Structure formats: structure tokens, C-alpha cells
Amino acid sequence: METMDKNVGGNELVCNHCGNTFDEANSYCPSCRTPTPDQQYRDLDIIKKKFIYFVVGIAIFCAIMILWLPREIN
């Protein structure tokens, strides 16, 4: 993951990937679309939530299948 360096002279960031300077309010570098560190953390939080929902969904599905499928083995 690439990170951004803050420029000393204002509200601008310098992209470590392409070297472009851009406004700190942007979530991504306009030239190469590398996300800022803040945006990376937000994206990571969203991915973690989706993963948790997926795992819970699989667990519920498995529990339903255990209860629904026949238990007798001939």
C-alpha cells in the first residue's frame, strides 16, 4: 500500500506513487487513483464488515442445512 506525505506548506498531499500534489480533501490521487491513508482505513473497515456478514451468513446457512436435511443414513 502506498502512502501519502503531507506537504509542509498547506492543505496538500504529495502522492508517493506518482509524485503529484493534490488537495487534502480528495480521497484519491487524481492522477493515479492511489487512495489516501484515511481512505485506505475506511475501505478496510468496509471490507471487514462485509467479511463478518459473510461468515455469519455462512454459519446461519449451515445451521439451517443441518436442521433441514434428513438425518437417517441407510
Protein backbone atom coordinates (compact mmCIF):
# COMPACT_ATOMS: atom_id res chain seq x y z
CA MET A 1 0.00 0.00 0.00
CA GLU A 2 1.31 3.37 -0.96
CA THR A 3 1.02 6.25 1.49
CA MET A 4 0.85 9.99 1.04
CA ASP A 5 3.21 12.58 2.53
CA LYS A 6 1.78 15.83 3.80
CA ASN A 7 3.27 18.91 2.22
CA VAL A 8 4.62 21.41 4.77
CA GLY A 9 3.13 24.42 3.03
CA GLY A 10 -0.63 23.90 3.26
CA ASN A 11 -3.53 21.53 2.82
CA GLU A 12 -1.95 19.46 0.08
CA LEU A 13 -0.70 15.92 -0.08
CA VAL A 14 2.10 14.53 -2.22
CA CYS A 15 1.38 11.11 -3.71
CA ASN A 16 4.24 8.67 -3.06
CA HIS A 17 3.15 6.62 -6.06
CA CYS A 18 3.25 9.29 -8.81
CA GLY A 19 4.55 12.43 -7.05
CA ASN A 20 1.50 14.55 -7.89
CA THR A 21 0.32 17.14 -5.36
CA PHE A 22 -3.39 17.43 -4.66
CA ASP A 23 -5.85 18.82 -2.15
CA GLU A 24 -6.11 17.04 1.19
CA ALA A 25 -9.92 16.90 0.85
CA ASN A 26 -9.62 14.36 -2.01
CA SER A 27 -9.86 10.69 -1.10
CA TYR A 28 -7.73 9.56 -4.03
CA CYS A 29 -4.86 10.98 -6.07
CA PRO A 30 -6.45 12.45 -9.22
CA SER A 31 -3.57 11.21 -11.41
CA CYS A 32 -3.09 7.59 -10.38
CA ARG A 33 -6.14 6.97 -8.13
CA THR A 34 -3.99 5.80 -5.20
CA PRO A 35 -6.12 6.19 -2.05
CA THR A 36 -5.03 8.41 0.83
CA PRO A 37 -4.25 6.65 4.13
CA ASP A 38 -7.57 7.82 5.58
CA GLN A 39 -9.43 6.35 2.62
CA GLN A 40 -7.47 3.10 2.95
CA TYR A 41 -8.63 2.74 6.57
CA ARG A 42 -12.25 3.44 5.58
CA ASP A 43 -12.03 0.87 2.77
CA LEU A 44 -10.52 -1.66 5.19
CA ASP A 45 -13.36 -1.12 7.68
CA ILE A 46 -15.93 -1.73 4.93
CA ILE A 47 -14.15 -4.92 3.86
CA LYS A 48 -14.02 -6.17 7.47
CA LYS A 49 -17.77 -5.59 7.92
CA LYS A 50 -18.56 -7.40 4.68
CA PHE A 51 -16.37 -10.34 5.75
CA ILE A 52 -18.13 -10.58 9.12
CA TYR A 53 -21.56 -10.54 7.43
CA PHE A 54 -20.37 -13.26 5.03
CA VAL A 55 -19.12 -15.52 7.84
CA VAL A 56 -22.33 -15.05 9.85
CA GLY A 57 -24.39 -15.78 6.72
CA ILE A 58 -22.46 -19.00 6.05
CA ALA A 59 -22.92 -20.07 9.69
CA ILE A 60 -26.68 -19.45 9.51
CA PHE A 61 -26.89 -21.32 6.19
CA CYS A 62 -25.02 -24.31 7.66
CA ALA A 63 -27.27 -24.37 10.74
CA ILE A 64 -30.39 -24.34 8.53
CA MET A 65 -29.00 -27.14 6.35
CA ILE A 66 -28.17 -29.26 9.41
CA LEU A 67 -31.75 -28.90 10.67
CA TRP A 68 -33.44 -29.30 7.29
CA LEU A 69 -31.56 -32.21 5.69
CA PRO A 70 -32.60 -35.80 6.58
CA ARG A 71 -30.59 -37.46 9.34
CA GLU A 72 -31.12 -41.12 8.54
CA ILE A 73 -28.29 -42.98 6.87
CA ASN A 74 -29.19 -46.32 5.28
